[in-house]
PDB file of N, CA and C in Angstrom:
ATOM      1  N   UNK A   1     -45.858 -18.824 -11.703  1.00  0.00           N
ATOM      2  CA  UNK A   1     -44.704 -18.275 -12.065  1.00  0.00           C
ATOM      3  C   UNK A   1     -43.566 -18.176 -11.282  1.00  0.00           C
ATOM      4  N   UNK A   2     -42.280 -18.189 -11.469  1.00  0.00           N
ATOM      5  CA  UNK A   2     -41.284 -18.102 -10.550  1.00  0.00           C
ATOM      6  C   UNK A   2     -40.919 -16.671 -10.117  1.00  0.00           C
ATOM      7  N   UNK A   3     -40.023 -16.495  -9.422  1.00  0.00           N
ATOM      8  CA  UNK A   3     -39.878 -15.406  -8.654  1.00  0.00           C
ATOM      9  C   UNK A   3     -37.901 -15.090  -8.481  1.00  0.00           C
ATOM     10  N   UNK A   4     -37.715 -13.937  -8.356  1.00  0.00           N
ATOM     11  CA  UNK A   4     -36.300 -13.739  -8.318  1.00  0.00           C
ATOM     12  C   UNK A   4     -36.013 -13.291  -6.784  1.00  0.00           C
ATOM     13  N   UNK A   5     -35.284 -14.100  -6.127  1.00  0.00           N
ATOM     14  CA  UNK A   5     -34.815 -13.747  -4.701  1.00  0.00           C
ATOM     15  C   UNK A   5     -33.641 -13.204  -4.630  1.00  0.00           C
ATOM     16  N   UNK A   6     -33.475 -11.876  -3.963  1.00  0.00           N
ATOM     17  CA  UNK A   6     -32.426 -11.164  -3.919  1.00  0.00           C
ATOM     18  C   UNK A   6     -31.498 -11.643  -2.359  1.00  0.00           C
ATOM     19  N   UNK A   7     -30.453 -12.034  -2.968  1.00  0.00           N
ATOM     20  CA  UNK A   7     -29.428 -12.123  -1.468  1.00  0.00           C
ATOM     21  C   UNK A   7     -28.325 -11.454  -1.070  1.00  0.00           C
ATOM     22  N   UNK A   8     -28.618 -10.011  -1.122  1.00  0.00           N
ATOM     23  CA  UNK A   8     -27.774  -8.882  -0.971  1.00  0.00           C
ATOM     24  C   UNK A   8     -27.200  -9.055   0.891  1.00  0.00           C
ATOM     25  N   UNK A   9     -28.353  -9.506   1.251  1.00  0.00           N
ATOM     26  CA  UNK A   9     -28.086  -9.436   2.804  1.00  0.00           C
ATOM     27  C   UNK A   9     -27.274 -10.669   3.290  1.00  0.00           C
ATOM     28  N   UNK A  10     -27.336 -11.547   2.630  1.00  0.00           N
ATOM     29  CA  UNK A  10     -26.674 -12.678   3.309  1.00  0.00           C
ATOM     30  C   UNK A  10     -24.891 -12.332   2.163  1.00  0.00           C
ATOM     31  N   UNK A  11     -24.728 -12.140   1.374  1.00  0.00           N
ATOM     32  CA  UNK A  11     -23.458 -11.535   0.694  1.00  0.00           C
ATOM     33  C   UNK A  11     -22.696 -10.552   1.604  1.00  0.00           C
ATOM     34  N   UNK A  12     -23.703  -9.433   1.946  1.00  0.00           N
ATOM     35  CA  UNK A  12     -23.229  -8.583   3.035  1.00  0.00           C
ATOM     36  C   UNK A  12     -22.804  -8.873   4.291  1.00  0.00           C
ATOM     37  N   UNK A  13     -23.304 -10.012   4.884  1.00  0.00           N
ATOM     38  CA  UNK A  13     -23.078 -10.511   5.783  1.00  0.00           C
ATOM     39  C   UNK A  13     -21.802 -11.331   5.710  1.00  0.00           C
ATOM     40  N   UNK A  14     -21.591 -12.230   4.744  1.00  0.00           N
ATOM     41  CA  UNK A  14     -20.598 -12.768   4.579  1.00  0.00           C
ATOM     42  C   UNK A  14     -19.225 -11.754   4.425  1.00  0.00           C
ATOM     43  N   UNK A  15     -19.289 -10.624   3.897  1.00  0.00           N
ATOM     44  CA  UNK A  15     -18.170  -9.643   3.584  1.00  0.00           C
ATOM     45  C   UNK A  15     -18.144  -8.778   4.732  1.00  0.00           C
ATOM     46  N   UNK A  16     -19.302  -8.700   5.904  1.00  0.00           N
ATOM     47  CA  UNK A  16     -19.047  -8.324   6.984  1.00  0.00           C
ATOM     48  C   UNK A  16     -19.153  -6.447   6.547  1.00  0.00           C
ATOM     49  N   UNK A  17     -19.838  -6.082   5.528  1.00  0.00           N
ATOM     50  CA  UNK A  17     -20.049  -4.907   5.350  1.00  0.00           C
ATOM     51  C   UNK A  17     -21.646  -4.515   5.762  1.00  0.00           C
ATOM     52  N   UNK A  18     -21.603  -3.245   6.167  1.00  0.00           N
ATOM     53  CA  UNK A  18     -22.851  -2.864   6.408  1.00  0.00           C
ATOM     54  C   UNK A  18     -23.478  -1.819   5.372  1.00  0.00           C
ATOM     55  N   UNK A  19     -24.930  -1.620   5.747  1.00  0.00           N
ATOM     56  CA  UNK A  19     -25.678  -1.084   4.458  1.00  0.00           C
ATOM     57  C   UNK A  19     -24.935   0.352   4.352  1.00  0.00           C
ATOM     58  N   UNK A  20     -24.462   1.084   5.347  1.00  0.00           N
ATOM     59  CA  UNK A  20     -23.947   2.393   5.301  1.00  0.00           C
ATOM     60  C   UNK A  20     -22.953   2.287   4.432  1.00  0.00           C
ATOM     61  N   UNK A  21     -21.670   1.453   4.866  1.00  0.00           N
ATOM     62  CA  UNK A  21     -20.684   1.384   4.043  1.00  0.00           C
ATOM     63  C   UNK A  21     -20.859   1.192   2.660  1.00  0.00           C
ATOM     64  N   UNK A  22     -21.787   0.230   2.366  1.00  0.00           N
ATOM     65  CA  UNK A  22     -22.276  -0.241   1.221  1.00  0.00           C
ATOM     66  C   UNK A  22     -23.106   0.999   0.219  1.00  0.00           C
ATOM     67  N   UNK A  23     -23.664   1.769   0.708  1.00  0.00           N
ATOM     68  CA  UNK A  23     -24.114   2.594   0.347  1.00  0.00           C
ATOM     69  C   UNK A  23     -23.132   3.803  -0.370  1.00  0.00           C
ATOM     70  N   UNK A  24     -22.060   3.968   0.665  1.00  0.00           N
ATOM     71  CA  UNK A  24     -21.285   5.101   0.390  1.00  0.00           C
ATOM     72  C   UNK A  24     -20.163   4.657  -1.059  1.00  0.00           C
ATOM     73  N   UNK A  25     -19.922   2.990  -1.006  1.00  0.00           N
ATOM     74  CA  UNK A  25     -19.130   2.648  -2.173  1.00  0.00           C
ATOM     75  C   UNK A  25     -20.032   2.714  -3.384  1.00  0.00           C
ATOM     76  N   UNK A  26     -21.021   2.457  -3.304  1.00  0.00           N
ATOM     77  CA  UNK A  26     -21.994   2.214  -4.536  1.00  0.00           C
ATOM     78  C   UNK A  26     -22.177   3.524  -4.908  1.00  0.00           C
ATOM     79  N   UNK A  27     -22.628   4.584  -4.032  1.00  0.00           N
ATOM     80  CA  UNK A  27     -23.233   5.880  -4.314  1.00  0.00           C
ATOM     81  C   UNK A  27     -24.317   5.806  -4.490  1.00  0.00           C
ATOM     82  N   UNK A  28     -25.308   4.997  -3.756  1.00  0.00           N
ATOM     83  CA  UNK A  28     -26.652   4.880  -3.912  1.00  0.00           C
ATOM     84  C   UNK A  28     -27.059   5.205  -2.558  1.00  0.00           C
ATOM     85  N   UNK A  29     -28.313   5.842  -2.519  1.00  0.00           N
ATOM     86  CA  UNK A  29     -28.838   6.066  -1.067  1.00  0.00           C
ATOM     87  C   UNK A  29     -29.122   4.782   0.036  1.00  0.00           C
ATOM     88  N   UNK A  30     -29.024   4.935   1.157  1.00  0.00           N
ATOM     89  CA  UNK A  30     -29.372   3.683   2.236  1.00  0.00           C
ATOM     90  C   UNK A  30     -30.665   3.412   1.817  1.00  0.00           C
ATOM     91  N   UNK A  31     -31.604   4.322   1.741  1.00  0.00           N
ATOM     92  CA  UNK A  31     -33.145   4.079   1.335  1.00  0.00           C
ATOM     93  C   UNK A  31     -33.136   2.889   0.283  1.00  0.00           C
ATOM     94  N   UNK A  32     -32.590   2.805  -0.732  1.00  0.00           N
ATOM     95  CA  UNK A  32     -32.634   2.290  -2.176  1.00  0.00           C
ATOM     96  C   UNK A  32     -32.172   0.873  -2.015  1.00  0.00           C
ATOM     97  N   UNK A  33     -30.684   1.000  -1.180  1.00  0.00           N
ATOM     98  CA  UNK A  33     -30.069  -0.492  -0.885  1.00  0.00           C
ATOM     99  C   UNK A  33     -30.770  -1.170   0.114  1.00  0.00           C
ATOM    100  N   UNK A  34     -31.385  -0.468   0.965  1.00  0.00           N
ATOM    101  CA  UNK A  34     -32.453  -1.464   2.190  1.00  0.00           C
ATOM    102  C   UNK A  34     -33.487  -1.896   1.330  1.00  0.00           C
ATOM    103  N   UNK A  35     -34.123  -1.253   0.462  1.00  0.00           N
ATOM    104  CA  UNK A  35     -35.197  -1.884  -0.460  1.00  0.00           C
ATOM    105  C   UNK A  35     -34.688  -3.055  -1.013  1.00  0.00           C
ATOM    106  N   UNK A  36     -33.458  -2.990  -1.650  1.00  0.00           N
ATOM    107  CA  UNK A  36     -32.941  -4.033  -2.668  1.00  0.00           C
ATOM    108  C   UNK A  36     -32.617  -5.154  -1.529  1.00  0.00           C
ATOM    109  N   UNK A  37     -31.989  -4.643  -0.265  1.00  0.00           N
ATOM    110  CA  UNK A  37     -31.464  -5.764   0.620  1.00  0.00           C
ATOM    111  C   UNK A  37     -32.736  -6.584   1.314  1.00  0.00           C
ATOM    112  N   UNK A  38     -33.979  -6.045   1.183  1.00  0.00           N
ATOM    113  CA  UNK A  38     -34.962  -6.765   1.634  1.00  0.00           C
ATOM    114  C   UNK A  38     -35.992  -7.046   0.627  1.00  0.00           C
ATOM    115  N   UNK A  39     -35.628  -6.848  -0.625  1.00  0.00           N
ATOM    116  CA  UNK A  39     -36.273  -7.511  -1.674  1.00  0.00           C
ATOM    117  C   UNK A  39     -37.596  -6.543  -2.152  1.00  0.00           C
ATOM    118  N   UNK A  40     -37.701  -5.988  -1.644  1.00  0.00           N
ATOM    119  CA  UNK A  40     -38.840  -4.767  -2.048  1.00  0.00           C
ATOM    120  C   UNK A  40     -38.624  -3.858  -3.377  1.00  0.00           C
ATOM    121  N   UNK A  41     -37.879  -4.366  -4.263  1.00  0.00           N
ATOM    122  CA  UNK A  41     -37.955  -3.852  -5.677  1.00  0.00           C
ATOM    123  C   UNK A  41     -38.455  -4.947  -6.680  1.00  0.00           C
ATOM    124  N   UNK A  42     -38.431  -3.808  -7.590  1.00  0.00           N
ATOM    125  CA  UNK A  42     -39.115  -4.643  -9.084  1.00  0.00           C
ATOM    126  C   UNK A  42     -37.826  -4.765 -10.260  1.00  0.00           C
ATOM    127  N   UNK A  43     -37.008  -3.887 -10.082  1.00  0.00           N
ATOM    128  CA  UNK A  43     -36.297  -3.382 -10.969  1.00  0.00           C
ATOM    129  C   UNK A  43     -34.759  -3.158 -10.536  1.00  0.00           C
ATOM    130  N   UNK A  44     -33.630  -3.639 -11.265  1.00  0.00           N
ATOM    131  CA  UNK A  44     -32.417  -3.072 -10.832  1.00  0.00           C
ATOM    132  C   UNK A  44     -31.600  -2.518 -12.346  1.00  0.00           C
ATOM    133  N   UNK A  45     -31.068  -1.419 -11.982  1.00  0.00           N
ATOM    134  CA  UNK A  45     -30.356  -0.783 -13.188  1.00  0.00           C
ATOM    135  C   UNK A  45     -29.044  -1.501 -13.183  1.00  0.00           C
ATOM    136  N   UNK A  46     -28.327  -1.833 -14.574  1.00  0.00           N
ATOM    137  CA  UNK A  46     -27.234  -2.819 -14.552  1.00  0.00           C
ATOM    138  C   UNK A  46     -26.155  -2.032 -13.892  1.00  0.00           C
ATOM    139  N   UNK A  47     -26.155  -0.656 -14.062  1.00  0.00           N
ATOM    140  CA  UNK A  47     -25.090   0.096 -13.298  1.00  0.00           C
ATOM    141  C   UNK A  47     -24.962   0.116 -11.978  1.00  0.00           C
ATOM    142  N   UNK A  48     -26.102   0.032 -11.382  1.00  0.00           N
ATOM    143  CA  UNK A  48     -26.202  -0.105  -9.801  1.00  0.00           C
ATOM    144  C   UNK A  48     -26.036  -1.600  -9.629  1.00  0.00           C
ATOM    145  N   UNK A  49     -26.229  -2.909  -9.985  1.00  0.00           N
ATOM    146  CA  UNK A  49     -25.900  -4.402  -9.891  1.00  0.00           C
ATOM    147  C   UNK A  49     -24.252  -4.300 -10.036  1.00  0.00           C
ATOM    148  N   UNK A  50     -23.592  -3.676 -11.283  1.00  0.00           N
ATOM    149  CA  UNK A  50     -22.361  -3.664 -11.472  1.00  0.00           C
ATOM    150  C   UNK A  50     -21.614  -2.877  -9.973  1.00  0.00           C
ATOM    151  N   UNK A  51     -21.834  -1.644  -9.735  1.00  0.00           N
ATOM    152  CA  UNK A  51     -21.411  -1.240  -8.703  1.00  0.00           C
ATOM    153  C   UNK A  51     -21.469  -1.957  -7.403  1.00  0.00           C
ATOM    154  N   UNK A  52     -22.424  -2.619  -6.827  1.00  0.00           N
ATOM    155  CA  UNK A  52     -22.678  -3.712  -5.999  1.00  0.00           C
ATOM    156  C   UNK A  52     -21.905  -4.747  -5.883  1.00  0.00           C
ATOM    157  N   UNK A  53     -21.559  -5.450  -7.147  1.00  0.00           N
ATOM    158  CA  UNK A  53     -20.730  -6.401  -7.451  1.00  0.00           C
ATOM    159  C   UNK A  53     -19.364  -6.231  -7.030  1.00  0.00           C
ATOM    160  N   UNK A  54     -18.945  -4.940  -7.897  1.00  0.00           N
ATOM    161  CA  UNK A  54     -17.499  -4.618  -7.285  1.00  0.00           C
ATOM    162  C   UNK A  54     -17.219  -4.027  -6.025  1.00  0.00           C
ATOM    163  N   UNK A  55     -18.262  -3.775  -5.312  1.00  0.00           N
ATOM    164  CA  UNK A  55     -17.842  -3.145  -3.774  1.00  0.00           C
ATOM    165  C   UNK A  55     -17.901  -4.383  -2.948  1.00  0.00           C
ATOM    166  N   UNK A  56     -18.750  -5.244  -3.400  1.00  0.00           N
ATOM    167  CA  UNK A  56     -18.523  -6.643  -2.494  1.00  0.00           C
ATOM    168  C   UNK A  56     -17.966  -7.810  -3.020  1.00  0.00           C
ATOM    169  N   UNK A  57     -17.087  -7.607  -4.047  1.00  0.00           N
ATOM    170  CA  UNK A  57     -16.239  -8.472  -4.775  1.00  0.00           C
ATOM    171  C   UNK A  57     -17.242  -9.817  -5.288  1.00  0.00           C
ATOM    172  N   UNK A  58     -18.182  -9.812  -5.930  1.00  0.00           N
ATOM    173  CA  UNK A  58     -18.980 -10.778  -6.014  1.00  0.00           C
ATOM    174  C   UNK A  58     -19.508 -10.816  -7.487  1.00  0.00           C
ATOM    175  N   UNK A  59     -20.241 -11.628  -7.879  1.00  0.00           N
ATOM    176  CA  UNK A  59     -21.095 -11.793  -9.377  1.00  0.00           C
ATOM    177  C   UNK A  59     -22.409 -11.672  -9.041  1.00  0.00           C
ATOM    178  N   UNK A  60     -23.091 -11.224 -10.239  1.00  0.00           N
ATOM    179  CA  UNK A  60     -24.274 -11.412 -10.071  1.00  0.00           C
ATOM    180  C   UNK A  60     -25.298 -12.498  -9.431  1.00  0.00           C
ATOM    181  N   UNK A  61     -24.683 -13.583  -9.831  1.00  0.00           N
ATOM    182  CA  UNK A  61     -25.330 -14.855  -9.464  1.00  0.00           C
ATOM    183  C   UNK A  61     -25.121 -15.219  -8.104  1.00  0.00           C
ATOM    184  N   UNK A  62     -24.078 -14.503  -7.511  1.00  0.00           N
ATOM    185  CA  UNK A  62     -24.229 -14.390  -5.716  1.00  0.00           C
ATOM    186  C   UNK A  62     -25.569 -13.511  -5.205  1.00  0.00           C
ATOM    187  N   UNK A  63     -25.933 -12.675  -5.938  1.00  0.00           N
ATOM    188  CA  UNK A  63     -26.827 -11.656  -5.536  1.00  0.00           C
ATOM    189  C   UNK A  63     -28.248 -11.988  -5.764  1.00  0.00           C
ATOM    190  N   UNK A  64     -28.585 -12.795  -6.943  1.00  0.00           N
ATOM    191  CA  UNK A  64     -29.770 -12.929  -7.150  1.00  0.00           C
ATOM    192  C   UNK A  64     -30.050 -14.776  -7.499  1.00  0.00           C
ATOM    193  N   UNK A  65     -30.994 -15.014  -7.031  1.00  0.00           N
ATOM    194  CA  UNK A  65     -31.519 -16.436  -7.203  1.00  0.00           C
ATOM    195  C   UNK A  65     -32.952 -16.653  -7.933  1.00  0.00           C
ATOM    196  N   UNK A  66     -32.889 -17.407  -8.853  1.00  0.00           N
ATOM    197  CA  UNK A  66     -34.360 -17.727  -9.354  1.00  0.00           C
ATOM    198  C   UNK A  66     -34.823 -18.811  -8.535  1.00  0.00           C
ATOM    199  N   UNK A  67     -36.188 -18.780  -8.208  1.00  0.00           N
ATOM    200  CA  UNK A  67     -37.060 -19.831  -7.365  1.00  0.00           C
ATOM    201  C   UNK A  67     -37.949 -19.996  -8.336  1.00  0.00           C
ATOM    202  N   UNK A  68     -38.099 -21.316  -9.117  1.00  0.00           N
ATOM    203  CA  UNK A  68     -39.431 -21.812 -10.000  1.00  0.00           C
ATOM    204  C   UNK A  68     -40.442 -21.792  -8.973  1.00  0.00           C
TER     205      UNK A  68
END
């Protein structure tokens, strides 16, 4: 079975945005964003995904990758 790889760390580095800055813009705790950044989550709310994409000026496909 394939897996979804989270690329939040790469997009944040490209945008030169810290976890604290992103957490403040998105309105999500540092702990939850850290888990997302490290791929330690099994689900994400669309509202959170939208907020992250808006804060980082990116598309969901920039953050998520399917690996067969």
